[in-house]
């Protein structure tokens, strides 16, 4: 009798052991299935995002514009256009006491030689634009490299509004003194 009870206990232990093993197998299978689903969904999403919609005309026009801009910016960065020097500017900067001023000399980089006659005619307008932009700045705004870069961009965009025969690409400060 005691031997029969021991055998029954062993059988129940092996059955419960196989149930535990079976449970871990089920969990493993569920994890693998979920992993495969996540990878499949990720692959589908990546495919859809990367392939895009090739059928629209608007997409092709936009892509062409982007490519032209990239080519233009690469070629613009490698070549320096004709320079148009401006006389020295001395302007008061915005400040509470009004005693700070800026002395700056700059060259305008043209996108082509055909712009020079127009710049000659519009020099007073260009000087007025530059003076207005410079005098609207505070010392804190233009002392950092980022501030100078923003200042250049603002001057370029303001001048280009009034030009017809071309545009100014960049501005180069050849003298920049704050007192």
N, C-alpha and C. Protein backbone atom coordinates (compact mmCIF):
# COMPACT_ATOMS: atom_id res chain seq x y z
N UNK A 1 0.81 -1.17 0.00
CA UNK A 1 0.00 0.00 0.00
C UNK A 1 0.86 1.25 0.00
N UNK A 2 1.87 1.26 0.78
CA UNK A 2 2.74 2.42 0.86
C UNK A 2 3.44 2.63 -0.47
N UNK A 3 3.76 1.51 -1.13
CA UNK A 3 4.43 1.62 -2.42
C UNK A 3 3.48 2.20 -3.45
N UNK A 4 2.22 1.82 -3.40
CA UNK A 4 1.24 2.36 -4.35
C UNK A 4 1.06 3.86 -4.15
N UNK A 5 1.05 4.31 -2.91
CA UNK A 5 0.90 5.75 -2.64
C UNK A 5 2.11 6.51 -3.17
N UNK A 6 3.31 5.95 -3.00
CA UNK A 6 4.52 6.60 -3.49
C UNK A 6 4.46 6.73 -5.02
N UNK A 7 3.99 5.67 -5.71
CA UNK A 7 3.90 5.70 -7.16
C UNK A 7 2.88 6.74 -7.62
N UNK A 8 1.75 6.83 -6.90
CA UNK A 8 0.74 7.82 -7.24
C UNK A 8 1.28 9.24 -7.05
N UNK A 9 2.04 9.45 -5.98
CA UNK A 9 2.65 10.77 -5.73
C UNK A 9 3.63 11.13 -6.85
N UNK A 10 4.40 10.13 -7.28
CA UNK A 10 5.35 10.37 -8.37
C UNK A 10 4.62 10.73 -9.65
N UNK A 11 3.54 10.01 -9.94
CA UNK A 11 2.77 10.28 -11.15
C UNK A 11 2.15 11.66 -11.10
N UNK A 12 1.63 12.05 -9.92
CA UNK A 12 1.02 13.38 -9.80
C UNK A 12 2.09 14.47 -9.92
N UNK A 13 3.30 14.19 -9.40
CA UNK A 13 4.39 15.16 -9.52
C UNK A 13 4.79 15.33 -10.97
N UNK A 14 4.88 14.24 -11.73
CA UNK A 14 5.27 14.34 -13.14
C UNK A 14 4.17 15.02 -13.93
N UNK A 15 2.91 14.78 -13.58
CA UNK A 15 1.81 15.45 -14.27
C UNK A 15 1.84 16.94 -13.99
N UNK A 16 2.07 17.32 -12.71
CA UNK A 16 2.11 18.74 -12.38
C UNK A 16 3.35 19.38 -13.00
N UNK A 17 4.44 18.65 -13.07
CA UNK A 17 5.66 19.15 -13.71
C UNK A 17 5.44 19.39 -15.19
N UNK A 18 4.73 18.48 -15.84
CA UNK A 18 4.46 18.66 -17.26
C UNK A 18 3.49 19.81 -17.47
N UNK A 19 2.60 20.05 -16.50
CA UNK A 19 1.69 21.19 -16.61
C UNK A 19 2.49 22.48 -16.51
N UNK A 20 3.46 22.53 -15.60
CA UNK A 20 4.29 23.72 -15.47
C UNK A 20 5.08 23.95 -16.75
N UNK A 21 5.66 22.91 -17.27
CA UNK A 21 6.42 23.01 -18.51
C UNK A 21 5.52 23.42 -19.66
N UNK A 22 4.33 22.89 -19.71
CA UNK A 22 3.38 23.24 -20.75
C UNK A 22 2.97 24.70 -20.63
N UNK A 23 2.83 25.18 -19.41
CA UNK A 23 2.47 26.58 -19.20
C UNK A 23 3.55 27.51 -19.71
N UNK A 24 4.79 27.15 -19.46
CA UNK A 24 5.88 28.01 -19.93
C UNK A 24 6.00 27.95 -21.45
N UNK A 25 5.65 26.80 -22.03
CA UNK A 25 5.65 26.69 -23.49
C UNK A 25 4.59 27.60 -24.10
N UNK A 26 3.43 27.66 -23.47
CA UNK A 26 2.35 28.51 -23.98
C UNK A 26 2.77 29.98 -23.91
N UNK A 27 3.38 30.38 -22.81
CA UNK A 27 3.84 31.77 -22.67
C UNK A 27 4.89 32.08 -23.73
N UNK A 28 5.79 31.14 -23.96
CA UNK A 28 6.82 31.33 -24.96
C UNK A 28 6.21 31.48 -26.36
N UNK A 29 5.24 30.66 -26.66
CA UNK A 29 4.57 30.73 -27.96
C UNK A 29 3.86 32.07 -28.12
N UNK A 30 3.18 32.52 -27.08
CA UNK A 30 2.48 33.81 -27.14
C UNK A 30 3.47 34.95 -27.37
N UNK A 31 4.59 34.92 -26.68
CA UNK A 31 5.61 35.96 -26.85
C UNK A 31 6.15 35.97 -28.27
N UNK A 32 6.42 34.79 -28.82
CA UNK A 32 6.95 34.70 -30.18
C UNK A 32 5.92 35.22 -31.18
N UNK A 33 4.65 34.83 -31.02
CA UNK A 33 3.60 35.29 -31.93
C UNK A 33 3.47 36.82 -31.86
N UNK A 34 3.48 37.38 -30.65
CA UNK A 34 3.39 38.83 -30.50
C UNK A 34 4.59 39.53 -31.15
N UNK A 35 5.76 38.96 -30.98
CA UNK A 35 6.95 39.53 -31.57
C UNK A 35 6.86 39.54 -33.09
N UNK A 36 6.39 38.44 -33.66
CA UNK A 36 6.24 38.35 -35.11
C UNK A 36 5.21 39.37 -35.60
N UNK A 37 4.11 39.54 -34.87
CA UNK A 37 3.10 40.53 -35.25
C UNK A 37 3.66 41.95 -35.21
N UNK A 38 4.39 42.27 -34.16
CA UNK A 38 4.97 43.61 -34.05
C UNK A 38 5.94 43.87 -35.19
N UNK A 39 6.78 42.89 -35.51
CA UNK A 39 7.71 43.05 -36.61
C UNK A 39 6.99 43.19 -37.94
N UNK A 40 5.93 42.43 -38.15
CA UNK A 40 5.17 42.52 -39.40
C UNK A 40 4.52 43.89 -39.53
N UNK A 41 3.91 44.36 -38.47
CA UNK A 41 3.26 45.68 -38.51
C UNK A 41 4.31 46.77 -38.74
N UNK A 42 5.43 46.67 -38.06
CA UNK A 42 6.51 47.65 -38.25
C UNK A 42 7.03 47.64 -39.68
N UNK A 43 7.16 46.46 -40.26
CA UNK A 43 7.62 46.36 -41.65
C UNK A 43 6.63 46.98 -42.62
N UNK A 44 5.35 46.75 -42.39
CA UNK A 44 4.32 47.33 -43.26
C UNK A 44 4.33 48.85 -43.16
N UNK A 45 4.40 49.36 -41.95
CA UNK A 45 4.42 50.81 -41.75
C UNK A 45 5.65 51.42 -42.41
N UNK A 46 6.81 50.81 -42.23
CA UNK A 46 8.04 51.31 -42.83
C UNK A 46 7.94 51.30 -44.36
N UNK A 47 7.39 50.23 -44.91
CA UNK A 47 7.24 50.14 -46.35
C UNK A 47 6.34 51.25 -46.88
N UNK A 48 5.21 51.47 -46.21
CA UNK A 48 4.28 52.50 -46.66
C UNK A 48 4.89 53.89 -46.55
N UNK A 49 5.64 54.14 -45.49
CA UNK A 49 6.23 55.46 -45.30
C UNK A 49 7.36 55.72 -46.30
N UNK A 50 8.15 54.72 -46.58
CA UNK A 50 9.28 54.90 -47.47
C UNK A 50 8.88 54.91 -48.94
N UNK A 51 7.86 54.15 -49.30
CA UNK A 51 7.47 54.10 -50.70
C UNK A 51 6.73 55.36 -51.11
N UNK A 52 5.88 55.91 -50.25
CA UNK A 52 5.15 57.14 -50.55
C UNK A 52 4.18 56.92 -51.68
N UNK A 53 3.60 58.04 -52.15
CA UNK A 53 2.65 58.00 -53.25
C UNK A 53 3.32 58.57 -54.49
N UNK A 54 3.62 57.73 -55.47
CA UNK A 54 4.32 58.17 -56.67
C UNK A 54 3.37 58.64 -57.76
N UNK A 55 2.09 58.56 -57.57
CA UNK A 55 1.14 58.87 -58.62
C UNK A 55 0.79 60.32 -58.75
N UNK A 56 1.05 61.17 -57.77
CA UNK A 56 0.59 62.55 -57.81
C UNK A 56 1.55 63.48 -58.52
N UNK A 57 1.02 64.45 -59.28
CA UNK A 57 1.85 65.43 -59.96
C UNK A 57 2.47 66.41 -58.96
N UNK A 58 1.73 66.75 -57.92
CA UNK A 58 2.22 67.68 -56.91
C UNK A 58 3.47 67.15 -56.22
N UNK A 59 3.52 65.86 -56.02
CA UNK A 59 4.68 65.26 -55.37
C UNK A 59 5.91 65.39 -56.25
N UNK A 60 5.74 65.17 -57.55
CA UNK A 60 6.87 65.26 -58.47
C UNK A 60 7.40 66.68 -58.55
N UNK A 61 6.50 67.65 -58.60
CA UNK A 61 6.92 69.05 -58.66
C UNK A 61 7.68 69.42 -57.40
N UNK A 62 7.17 68.99 -56.25
CA UNK A 62 7.83 69.29 -54.99
C UNK A 62 9.20 68.65 -54.93
N UNK A 63 9.30 67.40 -55.38
CA UNK A 63 10.59 66.72 -55.38
C UNK A 63 11.58 67.42 -56.30
N UNK A 64 11.11 67.90 -57.46
CA UNK A 64 11.98 68.61 -58.38
C UNK A 64 12.49 69.91 -57.75
N UNK A 65 11.61 70.62 -57.05
CA UNK A 65 12.01 71.86 -56.39
C UNK A 65 13.05 71.59 -55.32
N UNK A 66 12.85 70.53 -54.55
CA UNK A 66 13.80 70.19 -53.49
C UNK A 66 15.16 69.85 -54.10
N UNK A 67 15.15 69.08 -55.19
CA UNK A 67 16.41 68.72 -55.84
C UNK A 67 17.12 69.94 -56.39
N UNK A 68 16.37 70.86 -57.00
CA UNK A 68 16.98 72.09 -57.53
C UNK A 68 17.57 72.92 -56.41
N UNK A 69 16.86 73.00 -55.29
CA UNK A 69 17.36 73.77 -54.15
C UNK A 69 18.64 73.16 -53.62
N UNK A 70 18.68 71.83 -53.52
CA UNK A 70 19.88 71.16 -53.03
C UNK A 70 21.06 71.44 -53.95
N UNK A 71 20.83 71.30 -55.27
CA UNK A 71 21.90 71.55 -56.22
C UNK A 71 22.35 73.00 -56.14
N UNK A 72 21.39 73.92 -56.05
CA UNK A 72 21.71 75.34 -55.99
C UNK A 72 22.48 75.67 -54.72
N UNK A 73 22.04 75.12 -53.59
CA UNK A 73 22.72 75.43 -52.34
C UNK A 73 24.13 74.85 -52.33
N UNK A 74 24.32 73.68 -52.91
CA UNK A 74 25.66 73.11 -52.99
C UNK A 74 26.56 73.99 -53.85
N UNK A 75 26.04 74.39 -55.03
CA UNK A 75 26.86 75.20 -55.92
C UNK A 75 27.07 76.59 -55.33
N UNK A 76 26.07 77.13 -54.63
CA UNK A 76 26.20 78.44 -53.99
C UNK A 76 27.27 78.41 -52.91
N UNK A 77 27.33 77.33 -52.16
CA UNK A 77 28.30 77.24 -51.08
C UNK A 77 29.73 77.10 -51.62
N UNK A 78 29.88 76.52 -52.79
CA UNK A 78 31.21 76.30 -53.33
C UNK A 78 31.76 77.52 -54.06
N UNK A 79 30.89 78.33 -54.63
CA UNK A 79 31.34 79.49 -55.39
C UNK A 79 30.94 80.77 -54.67
N UNK A 80 31.76 81.77 -54.85
CA UNK A 80 31.47 83.08 -54.29
C UNK A 80 31.18 84.01 -55.45
N UNK A 81 30.04 84.68 -55.39
CA UNK A 81 29.65 85.57 -56.46
C UNK A 81 30.37 86.90 -56.37
N UNK A 82 30.04 87.79 -57.30
CA UNK A 82 30.64 89.12 -57.28
C UNK A 82 30.28 89.87 -56.00
N UNK A 83 31.20 90.68 -55.52
CA UNK A 83 30.99 91.42 -54.27
C UNK A 83 30.67 92.88 -54.57
N UNK A 84 29.78 93.42 -53.77
CA UNK A 84 29.43 94.83 -53.85
C UNK A 84 29.73 95.45 -52.49
N UNK A 85 30.80 96.25 -52.38
CA UNK A 85 31.16 96.82 -51.08
C UNK A 85 30.27 98.00 -50.72
N UNK A 86 29.94 98.11 -49.46
CA UNK A 86 29.19 99.26 -48.95
C UNK A 86 30.11 100.06 -48.03
N UNK A 87 29.88 101.37 -48.00
CA UNK A 87 30.66 102.22 -47.11
C UNK A 87 30.36 101.88 -45.66
N UNK A 88 31.19 102.39 -44.78
CA UNK A 88 31.06 102.13 -43.34
C UNK A 88 29.76 102.71 -42.80
N UNK A 89 29.13 101.95 -41.89
CA UNK A 89 27.92 102.39 -41.18
C UNK A 89 28.28 102.64 -39.73
N UNK A 90 27.79 103.75 -39.18
CA UNK A 90 27.91 104.01 -37.75
C UNK A 90 26.51 104.32 -37.26
N UNK A 91 25.97 103.43 -36.41
CA UNK A 91 24.58 103.60 -35.95
C UNK A 91 24.51 103.43 -34.44
N UNK A 92 23.55 104.13 -33.84
CA UNK A 92 23.26 103.94 -32.42
C UNK A 92 22.44 102.67 -32.28
N UNK A 93 22.79 101.88 -31.29
CA UNK A 93 22.02 100.67 -31.00
C UNK A 93 20.93 100.99 -30.00
N UNK A 94 19.89 100.18 -30.00
CA UNK A 94 18.83 100.37 -29.01
C UNK A 94 19.37 100.01 -27.63
N UNK A 95 19.26 100.96 -26.72
CA UNK A 95 19.66 100.69 -25.35
C UNK A 95 18.96 101.71 -24.46
N UNK A 96 18.95 101.42 -23.18
CA UNK A 96 18.26 102.31 -22.25
C UNK A 96 18.92 103.68 -22.16
N UNK A 97 20.24 103.71 -22.18
CA UNK A 97 20.93 104.99 -22.05
C UNK A 97 21.30 105.60 -23.40
N UNK A 98 21.18 104.85 -24.49
CA UNK A 98 21.43 105.38 -25.83
C UNK A 98 22.89 105.68 -26.12
N UNK A 99 23.79 105.13 -25.38
CA UNK A 99 25.21 105.45 -25.54
C UNK A 99 26.00 104.35 -26.26
N UNK A 100 25.34 103.32 -26.73
CA UNK A 100 26.04 102.23 -27.42
C UNK A 100 25.87 102.43 -28.93
N UNK A 101 26.94 102.22 -29.65
CA UNK A 101 26.83 102.32 -31.10
C UNK A 101 27.63 101.22 -31.78
N UNK A 102 27.33 101.05 -33.04
CA UNK A 102 27.93 99.98 -33.84
C UNK A 102 28.58 100.60 -35.07
N UNK A 103 29.79 100.17 -35.34
CA UNK A 103 30.49 100.55 -36.57
C UNK A 103 30.64 99.26 -37.36
N UNK A 104 30.09 99.25 -38.56
CA UNK A 104 30.12 98.03 -39.37
C UNK A 104 30.38 98.37 -40.83
N UNK A 105 31.17 97.53 -41.45
CA UNK A 105 31.42 97.63 -42.88
C UNK A 105 31.11 96.26 -43.46
N UNK A 106 30.48 96.23 -44.62
CA UNK A 106 30.05 94.94 -45.18
C UNK A 106 30.15 94.92 -46.69
N UNK A 107 30.20 93.71 -47.21
CA UNK A 107 30.13 93.45 -48.65
C UNK A 107 28.90 92.61 -48.92
N UNK A 108 28.22 92.93 -50.00
CA UNK A 108 27.06 92.15 -50.43
C UNK A 108 27.50 91.20 -51.53
N UNK A 109 27.19 89.93 -51.39
CA UNK A 109 27.50 88.96 -52.44
C UNK A 109 26.32 88.88 -53.39
N UNK A 110 26.58 89.22 -54.66
CA UNK A 110 25.53 89.21 -55.68
C UNK A 110 25.42 87.82 -56.30
N UNK A 111 24.25 87.52 -56.87
CA UNK A 111 24.12 86.24 -57.57
C UNK A 111 24.59 86.34 -59.02
N UNK A 112 24.88 87.55 -59.50
CA UNK A 112 25.40 87.72 -60.85
C UNK A 112 25.81 89.16 -61.09
N UNK A 113 26.63 89.36 -62.13
CA UNK A 113 27.13 90.70 -62.46
C UNK A 113 26.02 91.65 -62.87
N UNK A 114 24.92 91.13 -63.39
CA UNK A 114 23.83 91.98 -63.88
C UNK A 114 23.15 92.77 -62.76
N UNK A 115 23.43 92.43 -61.52
CA UNK A 115 22.82 93.12 -60.38
C UNK A 115 23.57 94.40 -60.01
N UNK A 116 24.82 94.54 -60.39
CA UNK A 116 25.64 95.69 -59.98
C UNK A 116 25.03 97.03 -60.39
N UNK A 117 24.57 97.23 -61.64
CA UNK A 117 23.97 98.53 -61.98
C UNK A 117 22.75 98.88 -61.13
N UNK A 118 21.94 97.87 -60.82
CA UNK A 118 20.76 98.12 -59.98
C UNK A 118 21.19 98.50 -58.56
N UNK A 119 22.21 97.85 -58.04
CA UNK A 119 22.71 98.20 -56.71
C UNK A 119 23.27 99.61 -56.69
N UNK A 120 23.95 100.01 -57.79
CA UNK A 120 24.46 101.37 -57.88
C UNK A 120 23.33 102.39 -57.79
N UNK A 121 22.24 102.13 -58.50
CA UNK A 121 21.09 103.04 -58.49
C UNK A 121 20.40 103.07 -57.13
N UNK A 122 20.35 101.92 -56.47
CA UNK A 122 19.56 101.81 -55.24
C UNK A 122 20.42 101.87 -53.97
N UNK A 123 21.63 102.38 -54.08
CA UNK A 123 22.51 102.46 -52.91
C UNK A 123 21.88 103.24 -51.76
N UNK A 124 21.25 104.40 -51.99
CA UNK A 124 20.62 105.10 -50.86
C UNK A 124 19.53 104.26 -50.18
N UNK A 125 18.73 103.55 -50.97
CA UNK A 125 17.69 102.68 -50.41
C UNK A 125 18.32 101.56 -49.60
N UNK A 126 19.37 100.95 -50.13
CA UNK A 126 20.04 99.85 -49.43
C UNK A 126 20.65 100.34 -48.12
N UNK A 127 21.29 101.50 -48.16
CA UNK A 127 21.88 102.05 -46.93
C UNK A 127 20.80 102.34 -45.90
N UNK A 128 19.66 102.86 -46.35
CA UNK A 128 18.55 103.13 -45.43
C UNK A 128 18.04 101.84 -44.78
N UNK A 129 17.91 100.79 -45.58
CA UNK A 129 17.45 99.50 -45.05
C UNK A 129 18.44 98.99 -44.00
N UNK A 130 19.72 99.03 -44.32
CA UNK A 130 20.74 98.52 -43.40
C UNK A 130 20.73 99.34 -42.11
N UNK A 131 20.66 100.66 -42.22
CA UNK A 131 20.64 101.51 -41.03
C UNK A 131 19.41 101.21 -40.17
N UNK A 132 18.26 101.05 -40.80
CA UNK A 132 17.03 100.75 -40.05
C UNK A 132 17.13 99.43 -39.31
N UNK A 133 17.64 98.41 -39.98
CA UNK A 133 17.76 97.10 -39.35
C UNK A 133 18.78 97.15 -38.21
N UNK A 134 19.94 97.75 -38.47
CA UNK A 134 20.99 97.80 -37.44
C UNK A 134 20.55 98.59 -36.22
N UNK A 135 19.90 99.73 -36.43
CA UNK A 135 19.53 100.57 -35.29
C UNK A 135 18.37 99.99 -34.49
N UNK A 136 17.70 98.99 -35.02
CA UNK A 136 16.60 98.36 -34.27
C UNK A 136 17.09 97.24 -33.35
N UNK A 137 18.39 96.98 -33.37
CA UNK A 137 18.95 95.87 -32.58
C UNK A 137 19.55 96.36 -31.28
N UNK A 138 19.57 95.46 -30.30
CA UNK A 138 20.24 95.74 -29.04
C UNK A 138 21.62 95.08 -29.06
N UNK A 139 22.46 95.48 -28.14
CA UNK A 139 23.80 94.90 -28.05
C UNK A 139 23.71 93.40 -27.83
N UNK A 140 22.80 92.97 -26.97
CA UNK A 140 22.66 91.55 -26.65
C UNK A 140 22.28 90.73 -27.88
N UNK A 141 21.50 91.32 -28.78
CA UNK A 141 21.04 90.58 -29.95
C UNK A 141 22.15 90.31 -30.95
N UNK A 142 23.15 91.17 -31.01
CA UNK A 142 24.14 91.05 -32.09
C UNK A 142 25.54 90.69 -31.62
N UNK A 143 25.72 90.42 -30.34
CA UNK A 143 27.06 90.07 -29.86
C UNK A 143 27.41 88.61 -30.09
N UNK A 144 26.44 87.73 -30.19
CA UNK A 144 26.72 86.31 -30.39
C UNK A 144 26.83 85.99 -31.88
N UNK A 145 27.44 84.88 -32.19
CA UNK A 145 27.56 84.44 -33.59
C UNK A 145 26.19 84.18 -34.19
N UNK A 146 25.31 83.59 -33.39
CA UNK A 146 23.95 83.32 -33.86
C UNK A 146 23.22 84.63 -34.14
N UNK A 147 23.43 85.62 -33.27
CA UNK A 147 22.81 86.93 -33.46
C UNK A 147 23.29 87.61 -34.72
N UNK A 148 24.58 87.51 -35.00
CA UNK A 148 25.13 88.10 -36.23
C UNK A 148 24.57 87.40 -37.46
N UNK A 149 24.43 86.09 -37.38
CA UNK A 149 23.86 85.33 -38.49
C UNK A 149 22.42 85.75 -38.76
N UNK A 150 21.63 85.91 -37.70
CA UNK A 150 20.25 86.36 -37.86
C UNK A 150 20.21 87.76 -38.45
N UNK A 151 21.12 88.61 -38.01
CA UNK A 151 21.20 89.98 -38.53
C UNK A 151 21.49 89.96 -40.02
N UNK A 152 22.43 89.15 -40.45
CA UNK A 152 22.75 89.03 -41.87
C UNK A 152 21.53 88.57 -42.67
N UNK A 153 20.86 87.54 -42.16
CA UNK A 153 19.68 87.01 -42.86
C UNK A 153 18.59 88.07 -42.98
N UNK A 154 18.39 88.84 -41.92
CA UNK A 154 17.35 89.87 -41.94
C UNK A 154 17.69 90.96 -42.96
N UNK A 155 18.95 91.39 -42.99
CA UNK A 155 19.35 92.42 -43.94
C UNK A 155 19.20 91.91 -45.38
N UNK A 156 19.63 90.68 -45.63
CA UNK A 156 19.51 90.10 -46.97
C UNK A 156 18.05 90.05 -47.41
N UNK A 157 17.17 89.57 -46.55
CA UNK A 157 15.76 89.46 -46.93
C UNK A 157 15.13 90.83 -47.16
N UNK A 158 15.50 91.82 -46.36
CA UNK A 158 14.95 93.17 -46.54
C UNK A 158 15.43 93.80 -47.85
N UNK A 159 16.70 93.64 -48.18
CA UNK A 159 17.23 94.21 -49.42
C UNK A 159 16.63 93.50 -50.63
N UNK A 160 16.53 92.17 -50.58
CA UNK A 160 16.03 91.41 -51.73
C UNK A 160 14.59 91.75 -52.08
N UNK A 161 13.84 92.29 -51.15
CA UNK A 161 12.46 92.69 -51.45
C UNK A 161 12.41 93.78 -52.52
N UNK A 162 13.47 94.57 -52.62
CA UNK A 162 13.47 95.72 -53.52
C UNK A 162 14.30 95.51 -54.78
N UNK A 163 14.87 94.36 -54.96
CA UNK A 163 15.71 94.09 -56.13
C UNK A 163 14.92 93.35 -57.21
N UNK A 164 15.19 93.72 -58.48
CA UNK A 164 14.48 93.11 -59.60
C UNK A 164 15.39 92.29 -60.51
N UNK A 165 16.65 92.70 -60.64
CA UNK A 165 17.56 92.06 -61.61
C UNK A 165 18.33 90.88 -61.04
N UNK A 166 18.12 90.57 -59.81
CA UNK A 166 18.83 89.47 -59.16
C UNK A 166 18.58 89.54 -57.67
N UNK A 167 19.47 88.92 -56.92
CA UNK A 167 19.32 88.96 -55.46
C UNK A 167 20.68 88.90 -54.79
N UNK A 168 20.66 89.28 -53.53
CA UNK A 168 21.85 89.19 -52.69
C UNK A 168 21.87 87.80 -52.08
N UNK A 169 22.98 87.09 -52.22
CA UNK A 169 23.09 85.75 -51.64
C UNK A 169 23.42 85.82 -50.15
N UNK A 170 24.49 86.55 -49.85
CA UNK A 170 24.97 86.62 -48.47
C UNK A 170 25.56 87.99 -48.22
N UNK A 171 25.78 88.25 -46.94
CA UNK A 171 26.47 89.46 -46.51
C UNK A 171 27.71 89.04 -45.75
N UNK A 172 28.80 89.74 -45.99
CA UNK A 172 30.04 89.49 -45.27
C UNK A 172 30.42 90.75 -44.51
N UNK A 173 30.53 90.63 -43.19
CA UNK A 173 30.98 91.76 -42.39
C UNK A 173 32.50 91.83 -42.50
N UNK A 174 33.02 92.97 -42.92
CA UNK A 174 34.47 93.13 -42.98
C UNK A 174 34.98 93.95 -41.80
N UNK A 175 34.07 94.60 -41.11
CA UNK A 175 34.39 95.33 -39.88
C UNK A 175 33.13 95.31 -39.02
N UNK A 176 33.29 95.03 -37.74
CA UNK A 176 32.13 94.94 -36.84
C UNK A 176 32.60 95.30 -35.43
N UNK A 177 32.34 96.54 -35.02
CA UNK A 177 32.81 97.03 -33.73
C UNK A 177 31.63 97.61 -32.96
N UNK A 178 31.46 97.14 -31.72
CA UNK A 178 30.43 97.68 -30.83
C UNK A 178 31.12 98.48 -29.75
N UNK A 179 30.66 99.70 -29.54
CA UNK A 179 31.24 100.56 -28.48
C UNK A 179 30.17 100.96 -27.50
